[in-house]
N, C-alpha and C. Protein backbone atom coordinates (compact mmCIF):
# COMPACT_ATOMS: atom_id res chain seq x y z
N MET A 1 0.85 -1.21 0.00
CA MET A 1 -0.02 0.04 -0.02
C MET A 1 0.88 1.24 0.00
N LYS A 2 0.52 2.20 -0.82
CA LYS A 2 1.22 3.48 -0.83
C LYS A 2 0.97 4.23 0.47
N THR A 3 1.87 5.19 0.76
CA THR A 3 1.75 6.01 1.97
C THR A 3 1.85 7.50 1.55
N VAL A 4 1.00 8.29 2.11
CA VAL A 4 1.02 9.75 1.89
C VAL A 4 1.34 10.42 3.19
N LEU A 5 2.40 11.21 3.23
CA LEU A 5 2.75 12.05 4.36
C LEU A 5 2.07 13.39 4.21
N VAL A 6 1.31 13.82 5.18
CA VAL A 6 0.63 15.07 5.18
C VAL A 6 1.12 15.84 6.41
N THR A 7 1.71 16.99 6.22
CA THR A 7 2.20 17.76 7.36
C THR A 7 1.39 19.06 7.56
N ALA A 8 1.40 19.53 8.76
CA ALA A 8 0.72 20.79 9.11
C ALA A 8 1.48 21.42 10.25
N PHE A 9 1.05 22.64 10.65
CA PHE A 9 1.81 23.41 11.63
C PHE A 9 1.07 23.56 12.96
N GLU A 10 1.87 23.79 13.98
CA GLU A 10 1.32 24.21 15.28
C GLU A 10 0.87 25.65 15.19
N PRO A 11 0.06 26.09 16.19
CA PRO A 11 -0.41 27.49 16.18
C PRO A 11 0.75 28.45 16.22
N PHE A 12 0.55 29.68 15.70
CA PHE A 12 1.60 30.71 15.73
C PHE A 12 0.89 32.05 15.64
N GLY A 13 1.69 33.13 15.83
CA GLY A 13 1.19 34.48 15.67
C GLY A 13 0.05 34.84 16.59
N GLY A 14 0.03 34.28 17.80
CA GLY A 14 -0.97 34.61 18.77
C GLY A 14 -2.29 33.83 18.63
N GLU A 15 -2.36 32.94 17.65
CA GLU A 15 -3.57 32.12 17.46
C GLU A 15 -3.55 30.92 18.44
N SER A 16 -4.73 30.50 18.85
CA SER A 16 -4.85 29.38 19.79
C SER A 16 -4.87 28.04 19.11
N LEU A 17 -5.07 28.05 17.76
CA LEU A 17 -5.06 26.83 16.95
C LEU A 17 -4.55 27.17 15.58
N ASN A 18 -4.21 26.13 14.86
CA ASN A 18 -3.80 26.28 13.46
C ASN A 18 -4.73 25.41 12.63
N PRO A 19 -5.48 26.00 11.69
CA PRO A 19 -6.47 25.24 10.95
C PRO A 19 -5.82 24.11 10.12
N SER A 20 -4.55 24.26 9.77
CA SER A 20 -3.91 23.21 9.00
C SER A 20 -3.81 21.93 9.84
N TRP A 21 -3.40 22.03 11.08
CA TRP A 21 -3.31 20.87 11.94
C TRP A 21 -4.69 20.31 12.33
N GLU A 22 -5.62 21.21 12.53
CA GLU A 22 -6.98 20.74 12.92
C GLU A 22 -7.53 19.87 11.79
N ALA A 23 -7.30 20.21 10.56
CA ALA A 23 -7.80 19.41 9.43
C ALA A 23 -6.93 18.17 9.21
N VAL A 24 -5.62 18.34 9.21
CA VAL A 24 -4.73 17.26 8.87
C VAL A 24 -4.72 16.14 9.88
N ARG A 25 -4.81 16.44 11.15
CA ARG A 25 -4.77 15.41 12.18
C ARG A 25 -5.99 14.48 12.07
N ALA A 26 -7.10 15.03 11.54
CA ALA A 26 -8.29 14.19 11.39
C ALA A 26 -8.16 13.18 10.22
N LEU A 27 -7.16 13.38 9.35
CA LEU A 27 -6.93 12.47 8.28
C LEU A 27 -5.97 11.34 8.61
N ASP A 28 -5.29 11.50 9.71
CA ASP A 28 -4.27 10.51 10.10
C ASP A 28 -4.85 9.13 10.24
N GLY A 29 -4.25 8.20 9.55
CA GLY A 29 -4.69 6.78 9.63
C GLY A 29 -5.76 6.39 8.63
N LYS A 30 -6.31 7.34 7.91
CA LYS A 30 -7.32 7.06 6.91
C LYS A 30 -6.67 6.46 5.65
N THR A 31 -7.51 5.79 4.88
CA THR A 31 -7.03 5.28 3.55
C THR A 31 -7.81 6.03 2.47
N LEU A 32 -7.05 6.64 1.55
CA LEU A 32 -7.63 7.39 0.42
C LEU A 32 -6.96 6.95 -0.87
N GLY A 33 -7.75 6.60 -1.84
CA GLY A 33 -7.18 6.22 -3.13
C GLY A 33 -6.21 5.07 -3.04
N GLY A 34 -6.47 4.17 -2.11
CA GLY A 34 -5.56 3.02 -1.91
C GLY A 34 -4.29 3.33 -1.20
N ALA A 35 -4.19 4.52 -0.57
CA ALA A 35 -2.99 4.93 0.15
C ALA A 35 -3.32 5.26 1.60
N ARG A 36 -2.37 4.94 2.46
CA ARG A 36 -2.52 5.23 3.91
C ARG A 36 -1.98 6.62 4.19
N ILE A 37 -2.75 7.39 4.93
CA ILE A 37 -2.39 8.77 5.29
C ILE A 37 -1.70 8.82 6.64
N VAL A 38 -0.57 9.47 6.66
CA VAL A 38 0.21 9.65 7.91
C VAL A 38 0.34 11.18 8.12
N ALA A 39 -0.14 11.64 9.27
CA ALA A 39 -0.08 13.08 9.59
C ALA A 39 1.02 13.37 10.56
N ARG A 40 1.75 14.46 10.34
CA ARG A 40 2.80 14.92 11.26
C ARG A 40 2.65 16.43 11.44
N GLN A 41 2.86 16.87 12.69
CA GLN A 41 2.84 18.29 13.00
C GLN A 41 4.26 18.85 12.97
N LEU A 42 4.40 20.06 12.36
CA LEU A 42 5.71 20.72 12.27
C LEU A 42 5.68 21.96 13.18
N PRO A 43 6.84 22.26 13.75
CA PRO A 43 7.00 23.44 14.58
C PRO A 43 7.10 24.72 13.72
N VAL A 44 6.57 25.83 14.18
CA VAL A 44 6.75 27.12 13.49
C VAL A 44 7.99 27.76 14.06
N VAL A 45 9.13 27.13 13.79
CA VAL A 45 10.46 27.51 14.25
C VAL A 45 11.43 27.32 13.10
N PHE A 46 12.01 28.38 12.64
CA PHE A 46 12.87 28.34 11.46
C PHE A 46 13.97 27.32 11.58
N SER A 47 14.64 27.31 12.73
CA SER A 47 15.81 26.43 12.90
C SER A 47 15.46 24.94 13.06
N ASP A 48 14.21 24.65 13.33
CA ASP A 48 13.83 23.27 13.64
C ASP A 48 12.99 22.59 12.59
N VAL A 49 12.22 23.42 11.82
CA VAL A 49 11.13 22.83 11.02
C VAL A 49 11.60 21.84 9.98
N LEU A 50 12.71 22.09 9.31
CA LEU A 50 13.15 21.18 8.24
C LEU A 50 13.67 19.87 8.84
N GLY A 51 14.31 19.97 9.98
CA GLY A 51 14.79 18.75 10.67
C GLY A 51 13.63 17.84 11.02
N VAL A 52 12.55 18.40 11.50
CA VAL A 52 11.36 17.58 11.84
C VAL A 52 10.74 17.04 10.58
N LEU A 53 10.66 17.84 9.53
CA LEU A 53 10.11 17.38 8.28
C LEU A 53 10.91 16.21 7.73
N TYR A 54 12.26 16.37 7.68
CA TYR A 54 13.08 15.32 7.10
C TYR A 54 13.04 14.05 7.92
N ALA A 55 12.94 14.20 9.24
CA ALA A 55 12.83 13.00 10.09
C ALA A 55 11.56 12.23 9.80
N ALA A 56 10.48 13.00 9.55
CA ALA A 56 9.22 12.35 9.20
C ALA A 56 9.29 11.66 7.86
N MET A 57 9.96 12.30 6.89
CA MET A 57 10.18 11.67 5.56
C MET A 57 10.95 10.37 5.70
N ASP A 58 12.01 10.38 6.48
CA ASP A 58 12.85 9.21 6.68
C ASP A 58 12.07 8.07 7.34
N GLU A 59 11.25 8.47 8.36
CA GLU A 59 10.46 7.46 9.06
C GLU A 59 9.34 6.86 8.20
N VAL A 60 8.61 7.70 7.52
CA VAL A 60 7.40 7.27 6.80
C VAL A 60 7.74 6.66 5.43
N GLN A 61 8.81 7.19 4.78
CA GLN A 61 9.15 6.75 3.42
C GLN A 61 7.91 6.87 2.50
N PRO A 62 7.40 8.09 2.35
CA PRO A 62 6.12 8.30 1.66
C PRO A 62 6.25 8.19 0.14
N ASP A 63 5.14 7.93 -0.51
CA ASP A 63 5.06 7.93 -1.96
C ASP A 63 4.61 9.30 -2.48
N LEU A 64 4.06 10.15 -1.57
CA LEU A 64 3.53 11.46 -1.86
C LEU A 64 3.61 12.31 -0.63
N ILE A 65 3.94 13.59 -0.76
CA ILE A 65 4.01 14.49 0.40
C ILE A 65 3.20 15.76 0.11
N LEU A 66 2.26 16.03 1.00
CA LEU A 66 1.48 17.23 0.91
C LEU A 66 1.64 18.02 2.20
N SER A 67 2.19 19.21 2.10
CA SER A 67 2.35 20.06 3.28
C SER A 67 1.24 21.12 3.22
N VAL A 68 0.74 21.42 4.43
CA VAL A 68 -0.44 22.32 4.53
C VAL A 68 -0.12 23.41 5.55
N GLY A 69 -0.59 24.63 5.29
CA GLY A 69 -0.36 25.73 6.20
C GLY A 69 -1.50 26.72 6.20
N GLN A 70 -1.54 27.56 7.21
CA GLN A 70 -2.54 28.61 7.36
C GLN A 70 -2.15 29.81 6.58
N ALA A 71 -3.18 30.35 5.86
CA ALA A 71 -3.00 31.63 5.14
C ALA A 71 -4.17 32.51 5.56
N GLY A 72 -4.09 33.10 6.74
CA GLY A 72 -5.15 34.01 7.21
C GLY A 72 -5.36 35.17 6.23
N GLY A 73 -6.57 35.41 5.82
CA GLY A 73 -6.88 36.47 4.90
C GLY A 73 -7.19 35.97 3.51
N ARG A 74 -6.73 34.75 3.18
CA ARG A 74 -7.11 34.15 1.92
C ARG A 74 -8.51 33.51 2.06
N SER A 75 -9.26 33.55 0.93
CA SER A 75 -10.64 33.07 0.99
C SER A 75 -10.81 31.65 0.42
N ASP A 76 -9.79 31.10 -0.22
CA ASP A 76 -9.96 29.81 -0.88
C ASP A 76 -8.78 28.88 -0.59
N ILE A 77 -8.91 27.64 -1.04
CA ILE A 77 -7.82 26.69 -0.96
C ILE A 77 -6.83 27.07 -2.07
N THR A 78 -5.54 27.31 -1.72
CA THR A 78 -4.59 27.75 -2.71
C THR A 78 -3.44 26.77 -2.83
N LEU A 79 -3.30 26.28 -4.08
CA LEU A 79 -2.18 25.36 -4.38
C LEU A 79 -1.00 26.21 -4.78
N GLU A 80 0.06 26.03 -4.01
CA GLU A 80 1.25 26.84 -4.26
C GLU A 80 2.08 26.36 -5.46
N ARG A 81 2.44 27.26 -6.33
CA ARG A 81 3.22 26.92 -7.52
C ARG A 81 4.69 26.82 -7.22
N ILE A 82 5.25 27.66 -6.38
CA ILE A 82 6.70 27.74 -6.22
C ILE A 82 7.11 28.06 -4.80
N GLY A 83 8.21 27.53 -4.37
CA GLY A 83 8.85 27.89 -3.12
C GLY A 83 10.14 28.58 -3.46
N ILE A 84 10.52 29.68 -2.77
CA ILE A 84 11.68 30.42 -3.10
C ILE A 84 12.73 30.33 -1.98
N ASN A 85 13.99 30.58 -2.37
CA ASN A 85 15.10 30.34 -1.45
C ASN A 85 15.40 31.56 -0.59
N VAL A 86 14.44 31.92 0.24
CA VAL A 86 14.68 33.07 1.17
C VAL A 86 13.75 32.94 2.38
N ASP A 87 14.34 33.24 3.52
CA ASP A 87 13.54 33.46 4.76
C ASP A 87 13.53 34.99 4.99
N ASP A 88 12.35 35.55 5.13
CA ASP A 88 12.20 36.99 5.41
C ASP A 88 10.97 37.17 6.29
N ALA A 89 11.18 37.03 7.55
CA ALA A 89 10.06 36.92 8.50
C ALA A 89 9.50 38.28 8.91
N ARG A 90 8.21 38.47 8.63
CA ARG A 90 7.52 39.71 9.00
C ARG A 90 7.28 39.74 10.55
N ILE A 91 7.10 38.56 11.15
CA ILE A 91 6.90 38.39 12.57
C ILE A 91 7.85 37.31 13.10
N PRO A 92 8.19 37.32 14.38
CA PRO A 92 9.01 36.28 14.94
C PRO A 92 8.31 34.90 14.90
N ASP A 93 9.09 33.87 14.81
CA ASP A 93 8.51 32.53 14.92
C ASP A 93 8.26 32.17 16.37
N ASN A 94 7.87 30.94 16.65
CA ASN A 94 7.50 30.56 18.02
C ASN A 94 8.69 30.47 18.99
N ALA A 95 9.90 30.62 18.42
CA ALA A 95 11.09 30.64 19.31
C ALA A 95 11.69 32.05 19.32
N GLY A 96 11.01 33.03 18.76
CA GLY A 96 11.47 34.37 18.75
C GLY A 96 12.46 34.68 17.66
N GLN A 97 12.65 33.73 16.72
CA GLN A 97 13.58 33.95 15.61
C GLN A 97 12.91 34.75 14.52
N GLN A 98 13.65 35.67 13.88
CA GLN A 98 13.07 36.46 12.84
C GLN A 98 14.13 36.76 11.74
N PRO A 99 14.46 35.73 10.97
CA PRO A 99 15.50 35.89 9.95
C PRO A 99 14.99 36.86 8.85
N VAL A 100 15.90 37.64 8.32
CA VAL A 100 15.56 38.62 7.26
C VAL A 100 16.56 38.43 6.13
N ASP A 101 15.98 38.19 4.96
CA ASP A 101 16.79 38.07 3.73
C ASP A 101 17.89 37.07 3.84
N GLU A 102 17.60 35.92 4.41
CA GLU A 102 18.56 34.83 4.53
C GLU A 102 18.19 33.64 3.66
N PRO A 103 19.16 33.06 2.94
CA PRO A 103 18.82 31.92 2.12
C PRO A 103 18.44 30.71 2.97
N ILE A 104 17.55 29.89 2.43
CA ILE A 104 17.17 28.63 3.12
C ILE A 104 18.29 27.63 2.87
N VAL A 105 18.78 27.60 1.67
CA VAL A 105 19.92 26.69 1.31
C VAL A 105 21.00 27.57 0.67
N ALA A 106 22.14 27.64 1.31
CA ALA A 106 23.24 28.46 0.76
C ALA A 106 23.61 27.93 -0.61
N ASP A 107 23.66 28.83 -1.59
CA ASP A 107 24.03 28.49 -2.97
C ASP A 107 22.97 27.58 -3.63
N GLY A 108 21.79 27.50 -3.01
CA GLY A 108 20.70 26.68 -3.65
C GLY A 108 20.06 27.46 -4.78
N PRO A 109 19.27 26.80 -5.63
CA PRO A 109 18.56 27.46 -6.72
C PRO A 109 17.61 28.51 -6.14
N ALA A 110 17.26 29.48 -6.97
CA ALA A 110 16.32 30.53 -6.49
C ALA A 110 14.97 30.00 -6.10
N GLY A 111 14.54 28.91 -6.77
CA GLY A 111 13.20 28.38 -6.43
C GLY A 111 13.02 27.01 -6.97
N TYR A 112 11.94 26.35 -6.49
CA TYR A 112 11.56 25.01 -7.00
C TYR A 112 10.04 25.06 -7.20
N PHE A 113 9.58 24.49 -8.31
CA PHE A 113 8.18 24.38 -8.60
C PHE A 113 7.60 23.10 -7.95
N SER A 114 6.35 23.25 -7.50
CA SER A 114 5.64 22.09 -6.97
C SER A 114 5.62 21.00 -8.02
N THR A 115 5.72 19.73 -7.57
CA THR A 115 5.61 18.59 -8.46
C THR A 115 4.23 17.93 -8.37
N LEU A 116 3.31 18.58 -7.65
CA LEU A 116 1.95 18.09 -7.65
C LEU A 116 1.16 18.62 -8.86
N PRO A 117 0.12 17.95 -9.27
CA PRO A 117 -0.71 18.44 -10.39
C PRO A 117 -1.67 19.54 -9.90
N ILE A 118 -1.08 20.73 -9.70
CA ILE A 118 -1.82 21.76 -9.01
C ILE A 118 -3.03 22.28 -9.73
N LYS A 119 -2.96 22.33 -11.05
CA LYS A 119 -4.12 22.80 -11.80
C LYS A 119 -5.23 21.75 -11.85
N ALA A 120 -4.86 20.50 -11.94
CA ALA A 120 -5.86 19.42 -11.88
C ALA A 120 -6.54 19.38 -10.53
N ILE A 121 -5.78 19.70 -9.47
CA ILE A 121 -6.38 19.73 -8.14
C ILE A 121 -7.35 20.89 -8.02
N VAL A 122 -6.98 22.05 -8.52
CA VAL A 122 -7.84 23.20 -8.47
C VAL A 122 -9.13 22.90 -9.24
N ALA A 123 -9.04 22.29 -10.40
CA ALA A 123 -10.22 21.99 -11.20
C ALA A 123 -11.13 21.03 -10.47
N ALA A 124 -10.52 20.02 -9.84
CA ALA A 124 -11.35 19.05 -9.05
C ALA A 124 -12.01 19.67 -7.85
N LEU A 125 -11.32 20.60 -7.18
CA LEU A 125 -11.91 21.29 -6.02
C LEU A 125 -13.07 22.16 -6.47
N ARG A 126 -12.91 22.88 -7.56
CA ARG A 126 -13.99 23.71 -8.07
C ARG A 126 -15.17 22.87 -8.50
N GLU A 127 -14.93 21.73 -9.04
CA GLU A 127 -16.02 20.78 -9.49
C GLU A 127 -16.78 20.34 -8.24
N ALA A 128 -16.12 20.24 -7.10
CA ALA A 128 -16.74 19.84 -5.86
C ALA A 128 -17.33 21.03 -5.11
N ALA A 129 -17.37 22.22 -5.75
CA ALA A 129 -17.92 23.45 -5.19
C ALA A 129 -17.10 23.94 -3.99
N ILE A 130 -15.79 23.73 -4.06
CA ILE A 130 -14.88 24.25 -3.06
C ILE A 130 -14.05 25.34 -3.71
N PRO A 131 -14.05 26.58 -3.20
CA PRO A 131 -13.24 27.66 -3.79
C PRO A 131 -11.76 27.29 -3.77
N ALA A 132 -11.10 27.43 -4.90
CA ALA A 132 -9.70 27.08 -5.00
C ALA A 132 -9.04 27.84 -6.13
N SER A 133 -7.74 28.00 -6.01
CA SER A 133 -6.96 28.67 -7.04
C SER A 133 -5.48 28.32 -6.91
N VAL A 134 -4.70 28.62 -7.97
CA VAL A 134 -3.27 28.52 -7.92
C VAL A 134 -2.70 29.76 -7.30
N SER A 135 -1.79 29.64 -6.40
CA SER A 135 -1.13 30.77 -5.77
C SER A 135 0.32 30.89 -6.30
N GLN A 136 0.76 32.09 -6.54
CA GLN A 136 2.10 32.32 -7.06
C GLN A 136 3.14 32.59 -5.98
N THR A 137 2.71 32.62 -4.70
CA THR A 137 3.65 32.86 -3.64
C THR A 137 3.25 32.14 -2.36
N ALA A 138 4.19 31.43 -1.80
CA ALA A 138 3.96 30.75 -0.50
C ALA A 138 4.45 31.63 0.65
N GLY A 139 4.73 32.94 0.37
CA GLY A 139 5.23 33.79 1.39
C GLY A 139 6.69 33.62 1.61
N THR A 140 7.18 34.13 2.74
CA THR A 140 8.61 33.96 3.08
C THR A 140 8.78 33.60 4.53
N PHE A 141 7.70 33.00 5.11
CA PHE A 141 7.74 32.51 6.49
C PHE A 141 8.04 31.01 6.51
N THR A 142 7.65 30.33 7.53
CA THR A 142 8.02 28.91 7.65
C THR A 142 7.28 28.02 6.64
N CYS A 143 6.14 28.47 6.11
CA CYS A 143 5.43 27.70 5.09
C CYS A 143 6.30 27.57 3.83
N ASN A 144 6.83 28.69 3.42
CA ASN A 144 7.71 28.69 2.24
C ASN A 144 8.99 27.90 2.54
N ARG A 145 9.49 28.05 3.72
CA ARG A 145 10.73 27.27 4.09
C ARG A 145 10.46 25.78 3.93
N VAL A 146 9.31 25.34 4.38
CA VAL A 146 8.97 23.91 4.28
C VAL A 146 8.82 23.52 2.79
N MET A 147 8.11 24.32 2.01
CA MET A 147 7.97 23.99 0.62
C MET A 147 9.32 23.92 -0.08
N TYR A 148 10.14 24.93 0.06
CA TYR A 148 11.43 24.93 -0.60
C TYR A 148 12.30 23.79 -0.06
N GLY A 149 12.35 23.61 1.23
CA GLY A 149 13.19 22.58 1.82
C GLY A 149 12.78 21.19 1.40
N LEU A 150 11.44 20.99 1.31
CA LEU A 150 10.94 19.67 0.86
C LEU A 150 11.37 19.40 -0.58
N LEU A 151 11.10 20.34 -1.46
CA LEU A 151 11.39 20.13 -2.87
C LEU A 151 12.94 20.09 -3.13
N HIS A 152 13.70 20.84 -2.32
CA HIS A 152 15.14 20.79 -2.47
C HIS A 152 15.66 19.40 -2.15
N ARG A 153 15.16 18.80 -1.09
CA ARG A 153 15.62 17.45 -0.69
C ARG A 153 15.19 16.42 -1.76
N LEU A 154 13.96 16.51 -2.19
CA LEU A 154 13.53 15.56 -3.24
C LEU A 154 14.37 15.67 -4.50
N HIS A 155 14.67 16.93 -4.87
CA HIS A 155 15.45 17.19 -6.07
C HIS A 155 16.90 16.68 -5.95
N THR A 156 17.52 17.03 -4.85
CA THR A 156 18.93 16.68 -4.68
C THR A 156 19.17 15.22 -4.54
N GLU A 157 18.15 14.48 -4.01
CA GLU A 157 18.24 13.06 -3.88
C GLU A 157 17.78 12.28 -5.13
N GLY A 158 17.35 13.04 -6.16
CA GLY A 158 16.81 12.40 -7.34
C GLY A 158 15.61 11.58 -7.06
N ASN A 159 14.86 11.98 -6.02
CA ASN A 159 13.68 11.22 -5.58
C ASN A 159 12.48 11.52 -6.47
N ARG A 160 11.79 10.43 -6.88
CA ARG A 160 10.62 10.57 -7.74
C ARG A 160 9.36 10.81 -6.98
N VAL A 161 9.45 10.88 -5.66
CA VAL A 161 8.29 11.21 -4.83
C VAL A 161 7.78 12.62 -5.15
N ARG A 162 6.51 12.78 -5.31
CA ARG A 162 5.97 14.12 -5.60
C ARG A 162 5.64 14.87 -4.32
N GLY A 163 5.77 16.18 -4.38
CA GLY A 163 5.54 16.93 -3.19
C GLY A 163 5.13 18.38 -3.50
N GLY A 164 4.44 19.02 -2.56
CA GLY A 164 4.06 20.38 -2.75
C GLY A 164 3.34 20.91 -1.52
N PHE A 165 2.79 22.10 -1.67
CA PHE A 165 2.25 22.82 -0.51
C PHE A 165 0.90 23.43 -0.85
N VAL A 166 -0.02 23.40 0.11
CA VAL A 166 -1.33 24.03 -0.06
C VAL A 166 -1.60 24.93 1.19
N HIS A 167 -2.13 26.10 0.92
CA HIS A 167 -2.52 27.01 1.98
C HIS A 167 -4.03 26.98 2.14
N ILE A 168 -4.50 27.11 3.39
CA ILE A 168 -5.92 27.10 3.65
C ILE A 168 -6.29 28.33 4.45
N PRO A 169 -7.59 28.74 4.41
CA PRO A 169 -8.02 29.94 5.17
C PRO A 169 -8.16 29.67 6.66
N TYR A 170 -8.47 30.71 7.38
CA TYR A 170 -8.81 30.61 8.79
C TYR A 170 -10.04 29.66 8.95
N LEU A 171 -10.18 29.07 10.12
CA LEU A 171 -11.40 28.41 10.52
C LEU A 171 -12.38 29.55 10.96
N PRO A 172 -13.71 29.26 10.95
CA PRO A 172 -14.67 30.34 11.38
C PRO A 172 -14.39 30.88 12.75
N GLU A 173 -13.99 29.98 13.72
CA GLU A 173 -13.73 30.51 15.07
C GLU A 173 -12.53 31.44 15.13
N GLN A 174 -11.60 31.29 14.21
CA GLN A 174 -10.52 32.25 14.13
C GLN A 174 -10.95 33.56 13.50
N ALA A 175 -11.69 33.44 12.37
CA ALA A 175 -12.11 34.60 11.64
C ALA A 175 -13.02 35.49 12.54
N ALA A 176 -13.71 34.89 13.51
CA ALA A 176 -14.53 35.68 14.41
C ALA A 176 -13.72 36.66 15.20
N GLN A 177 -12.41 36.39 15.37
CA GLN A 177 -11.52 37.30 16.06
C GLN A 177 -10.80 38.25 15.12
N HIS A 178 -11.08 38.13 13.82
CA HIS A 178 -10.46 38.98 12.83
C HIS A 178 -11.57 39.48 11.93
N PRO A 179 -12.33 40.51 12.40
CA PRO A 179 -13.50 40.99 11.66
C PRO A 179 -13.19 41.25 10.20
N GLY A 180 -14.07 40.69 9.34
CA GLY A 180 -13.89 40.88 7.91
C GLY A 180 -13.08 39.80 7.23
N ALA A 181 -12.38 38.99 8.00
CA ALA A 181 -11.52 37.94 7.39
C ALA A 181 -12.33 36.77 6.91
N PRO A 182 -12.05 36.24 5.75
CA PRO A 182 -12.79 35.04 5.29
C PRO A 182 -12.37 33.80 6.04
N SER A 183 -13.17 32.76 5.93
CA SER A 183 -12.92 31.53 6.63
C SER A 183 -13.45 30.34 5.83
N MET A 184 -13.12 29.15 6.28
CA MET A 184 -13.66 27.95 5.67
C MET A 184 -13.80 26.89 6.78
N ALA A 185 -14.93 26.17 6.82
CA ALA A 185 -15.21 25.15 7.81
C ALA A 185 -14.21 23.99 7.70
N ARG A 186 -13.89 23.39 8.86
CA ARG A 186 -12.91 22.31 8.84
C ARG A 186 -13.35 21.16 7.95
N ASP A 187 -14.61 20.81 7.94
CA ASP A 187 -15.09 19.71 7.11
C ASP A 187 -14.83 19.99 5.61
N ASN A 188 -14.97 21.23 5.23
CA ASN A 188 -14.71 21.58 3.81
C ASN A 188 -13.23 21.52 3.51
N VAL A 189 -12.40 21.94 4.49
CA VAL A 189 -10.95 21.84 4.29
C VAL A 189 -10.55 20.37 4.21
N MET A 190 -11.07 19.57 5.10
CA MET A 190 -10.74 18.11 5.06
C MET A 190 -11.11 17.53 3.69
N GLN A 191 -12.32 17.84 3.22
CA GLN A 191 -12.75 17.34 1.91
C GLN A 191 -11.78 17.82 0.82
N ALA A 192 -11.37 19.08 0.92
CA ALA A 192 -10.41 19.58 -0.10
C ALA A 192 -9.13 18.84 -0.06
N LEU A 193 -8.59 18.56 1.10
CA LEU A 193 -7.34 17.86 1.20
C LEU A 193 -7.44 16.43 0.70
N GLU A 194 -8.57 15.79 0.99
CA GLU A 194 -8.82 14.45 0.47
C GLU A 194 -8.84 14.43 -1.05
N ILE A 195 -9.49 15.44 -1.64
CA ILE A 195 -9.50 15.54 -3.07
C ILE A 195 -8.12 15.78 -3.67
N ALA A 196 -7.38 16.65 -3.00
CA ALA A 196 -5.99 16.95 -3.45
C ALA A 196 -5.14 15.68 -3.41
N ILE A 197 -5.30 14.88 -2.41
CA ILE A 197 -4.49 13.63 -2.31
C ILE A 197 -4.92 12.65 -3.41
N ARG A 198 -6.23 12.49 -3.59
CA ARG A 198 -6.67 11.54 -4.63
C ARG A 198 -6.23 11.97 -6.03
N VAL A 199 -6.33 13.25 -6.32
CA VAL A 199 -5.93 13.73 -7.64
C VAL A 199 -4.46 13.56 -7.81
N SER A 200 -3.67 13.85 -6.79
CA SER A 200 -2.23 13.69 -6.89
C SER A 200 -1.80 12.24 -7.11
N LEU A 201 -2.55 11.32 -6.53
CA LEU A 201 -2.21 9.90 -6.69
C LEU A 201 -2.60 9.40 -8.06
N GLU A 202 -3.65 9.99 -8.61
CA GLU A 202 -4.23 9.47 -9.89
C GLU A 202 -3.75 10.20 -11.13
N THR A 203 -3.18 11.39 -10.98
CA THR A 203 -2.86 12.26 -12.13
C THR A 203 -1.40 12.31 -12.40
N GLU A 204 -0.94 11.79 -13.49
CA GLU A 204 0.49 11.87 -13.84
C GLU A 204 0.87 13.17 -14.52
N THR A 205 0.02 13.67 -15.38
CA THR A 205 0.30 14.89 -16.14
C THR A 205 -0.73 15.98 -15.79
N ASP A 206 -0.25 17.13 -15.35
CA ASP A 206 -1.15 18.21 -14.95
C ASP A 206 -1.94 18.76 -16.14
N LEU A 207 -3.06 19.40 -15.84
CA LEU A 207 -3.84 20.08 -16.86
C LEU A 207 -3.05 21.30 -17.37
N LYS A 208 -3.20 21.59 -18.62
CA LYS A 208 -2.57 22.79 -19.19
C LYS A 208 -3.71 23.80 -19.44
N VAL A 209 -4.05 24.47 -18.32
CA VAL A 209 -5.11 25.46 -18.35
C VAL A 209 -4.57 26.71 -17.63
N ALA A 210 -5.16 27.87 -17.96
CA ALA A 210 -4.70 29.11 -17.31
C ALA A 210 -4.88 29.07 -15.80
N GLY A 211 -3.86 29.48 -15.08
CA GLY A 211 -3.96 29.53 -13.64
C GLY A 211 -3.08 30.65 -13.11
N GLY A 212 -2.70 31.57 -14.01
CA GLY A 212 -1.79 32.63 -13.64
C GLY A 212 -2.49 33.85 -13.02
N ALA A 213 -1.73 34.85 -12.79
CA ALA A 213 -2.25 36.05 -12.16
C ALA A 213 -1.67 37.30 -12.90
N THR A 214 -2.40 38.40 -12.89
CA THR A 214 -1.95 39.59 -13.55
C THR A 214 -1.16 40.49 -12.57
N HIS A 215 -1.25 40.18 -11.26
CA HIS A 215 -0.49 40.97 -10.29
C HIS A 215 -0.37 40.15 -8.99
């Protein structure tokens, strides 16, 4: 049986929960598309997060890796196109670290593209009446660090395992503390992640449809 590693983050930035972990932990142990789901929580700490991710990869030996993070202020499920080689923290992480303009990998490439079928996933999510889009930036906080670090390791090892990152909105209980902020119910997020996993397992070649942005 194939194994899918799904990662999510602990709360940060003054939040009491992280919607990524609330959704992902509920998937742990489930079987989707003939694959077993293994969930792991990552720390929002620049110096530690990739070590925890890589340890999980070594332990689980997954056939697919989907990392998930919170994007407060976004209104839909966003499939990230690219991770870039820079840490530039607008706020401190959970250990008080705040790197600015520092490379994630010294002398590493400027960026790595997701190897997930991101446009096919977006199409499937929209077909299921779940708002979704391709995102052109994973930010420069720990989410981007995880995306870049994940893809860098897969690339340098010549690993054929596919991997990528998806951002999700606040949960309603979080948005209630941020007037005007959009949100999405946990059940909808879980459904979206299940669809993303199934499409990634079943789709070898991504759709060639427009998913860009004008700004």
